[in-house]
Amino acid sequence: MTQLTVEKLLADKVSVTEQEVEDYIKENKSLESKETIQSLLKQQKLMTAYQTWIADLLGKTKVNYFVKF
């Protein structure tokens, strides 16, 4: 899936709070802008949500592999 598709599917399930941004700045002594950090944290949460979503889908469906690796 493309990044844009993942964002459209899971964007409503992912949010980054101001407190999370502040905590990240303190923990990592980051000098980057809050917008950059918020974007980074959102991407991390999107990837976690995507992995959870895919694992859930694979657990609910039967997948047939026609090529053995």
C-alpha atoms as a PDB file:
ATOM      1  CA  MET A   1       0.000   0.000   0.000  1.00  0.00           C
ATOM      2  CA  THR A   2       1.089   3.508  -0.592  1.00  0.00           C
ATOM      3  CA  GLN A   3       1.666   5.940   2.228  1.00  0.00           C
ATOM      4  CA  LEU A   4      -1.262   8.087   1.124  1.00  0.00           C
ATOM      5  CA  THR A   5      -3.645   5.122   1.191  1.00  0.00           C
ATOM      6  CA  VAL A   6      -2.507   4.167   4.683  1.00  0.00           C
ATOM      7  CA  GLU A   7      -3.029   7.746   5.848  1.00  0.00           C
ATOM      8  CA  LYS A   8      -6.546   7.854   4.407  1.00  0.00           C
ATOM      9  CA  LEU A   9      -7.501   4.517   5.958  1.00  0.00           C
ATOM     10  CA  LEU A  10      -6.072   5.109   9.420  1.00  0.00           C
ATOM     11  CA  ALA A  11      -5.827   8.888   9.890  1.00  0.00           C
ATOM     12  CA  ASP A  12      -8.946   9.066  12.055  1.00  0.00           C
ATOM     13  CA  LYS A  13      -7.457   6.482  14.433  1.00  0.00           C
ATOM     14  CA  VAL A  14      -4.167   8.325  14.931  1.00  0.00           C
ATOM     15  CA  SER A  15      -3.564  11.601  16.695  1.00  0.00           C
ATOM     16  CA  VAL A  16      -0.597  13.273  18.333  1.00  0.00           C
ATOM     17  CA  THR A  17      -1.116  15.418  21.402  1.00  0.00           C
ATOM     18  CA  GLU A  18       0.835  18.500  22.351  1.00  0.00           C
ATOM     19  CA  GLN A  19       2.022  16.628  25.452  1.00  0.00           C
ATOM     20  CA  GLU A  20       3.512  13.863  23.307  1.00  0.00           C
ATOM     21  CA  VAL A  21       5.420  16.453  21.293  1.00  0.00           C
ATOM     22  CA  GLU A  22       6.716  18.120  24.450  1.00  0.00           C
ATOM     23  CA  ASP A  23       7.738  14.751  25.914  1.00  0.00           C
ATOM     24  CA  TYR A  24       9.600  13.884  22.714  1.00  0.00           C
ATOM     25  CA  ILE A  25      11.476  17.193  22.817  1.00  0.00           C
ATOM     26  CA  LYS A  26      12.485  16.631  26.440  1.00  0.00           C
ATOM     27  CA  GLU A  27      13.491  12.990  26.011  1.00  0.00           C
ATOM     28  CA  ASN A  28      15.471  13.496  22.826  1.00  0.00           C
ATOM     29  CA  LYS A  29      16.712  17.026  23.421  1.00  0.00           C
ATOM     30  CA  SER A  30      15.486  17.783  19.936  1.00  0.00           C
ATOM     31  CA  LEU A  31      16.017  21.130  18.275  1.00  0.00           C
ATOM     32  CA  GLU A  32      13.590  20.425  15.445  1.00  0.00           C
ATOM     33  CA  SER A  33      10.346  22.342  15.083  1.00  0.00           C
ATOM     34  CA  LYS A  34       7.183  21.136  16.791  1.00  0.00           C
ATOM     35  CA  GLU A  35       5.556  20.607  13.391  1.00  0.00           C
ATOM     36  CA  THR A  36       8.393  18.311  12.304  1.00  0.00           C
ATOM     37  CA  ILE A  37       8.217  16.329  15.530  1.00  0.00           C
ATOM     38  CA  GLN A  38       4.431  16.097  15.324  1.00  0.00           C
ATOM     39  CA  SER A  39       4.735  14.760  11.773  1.00  0.00           C
ATOM     40  CA  LEU A  40       7.371  12.238  12.864  1.00  0.00           C
ATOM     41  CA  LEU A  41       5.245  11.000  15.764  1.00  0.00           C
ATOM     42  CA  LYS A  42       2.182  10.758  13.518  1.00  0.00           C
ATOM     43  CA  GLN A  43       4.118   8.665  10.996  1.00  0.00           C
ATOM     44  CA  GLN A  44       5.298   6.345  13.768  1.00  0.00           C
ATOM     45  CA  LYS A  45       1.749   5.920  15.046  1.00  0.00           C
ATOM     46  CA  LEU A  46       0.425   5.357  11.520  1.00  0.00           C
ATOM     47  CA  MET A  47       2.961   2.583  10.919  1.00  0.00           C
ATOM     48  CA  THR A  48       2.085   0.925  14.232  1.00  0.00           C
ATOM     49  CA  ALA A  49      -1.631   1.155  13.448  1.00  0.00           C
ATOM     50  CA  TYR A  50      -0.994  -0.209   9.941  1.00  0.00           C
ATOM     51  CA  GLN A  51       0.967  -3.185  11.248  1.00  0.00           C
ATOM     52  CA  THR A  52      -1.765  -3.945  13.787  1.00  0.00           C
ATOM     53  CA  TRP A  53      -4.464  -3.614  11.125  1.00  0.00           C
ATOM     54  CA  ILE A  54      -2.648  -5.936   8.690  1.00  0.00           C
ATOM     55  CA  ALA A  55      -1.991  -8.519  11.432  1.00  0.00           C
ATOM     56  CA  ASP A  56      -5.677  -8.408  12.360  1.00  0.00           C
ATOM     57  CA  LEU A  57      -6.737  -8.875   8.731  1.00  0.00           C
ATOM     58  CA  LEU A  58      -4.346 -11.767   8.217  1.00  0.00           C
ATOM     59  CA  GLY A  59      -5.675 -13.393  11.378  1.00  0.00           C
ATOM     60  CA  LYS A  60      -9.250 -13.190  10.082  1.00  0.00           C
ATOM     61  CA  THR A  61      -8.639 -14.432   6.544  1.00  0.00           C
ATOM     62  CA  LYS A  62      -7.135 -17.447   4.889  1.00  0.00           C
ATOM     63  CA  VAL A  63      -4.221 -16.585   2.644  1.00  0.00           C
ATOM     64  CA  ASN A  64      -3.177 -19.025  -0.080  1.00  0.00           C
ATOM     65  CA  TYR A  65       0.378 -18.813  -1.325  1.00  0.00           C
ATOM     66  CA  PHE A  66       0.853 -20.230  -4.806  1.00  0.00           C
ATOM     67  CA  VAL A  67       4.621 -19.887  -4.757  1.00  0.00           C
ATOM     68  CA  LYS A  68       6.684 -21.525  -2.026  1.00  0.00           C
ATOM     69  CA  PHE A  69       9.609 -19.505  -0.772  1.00  0.00           C
END
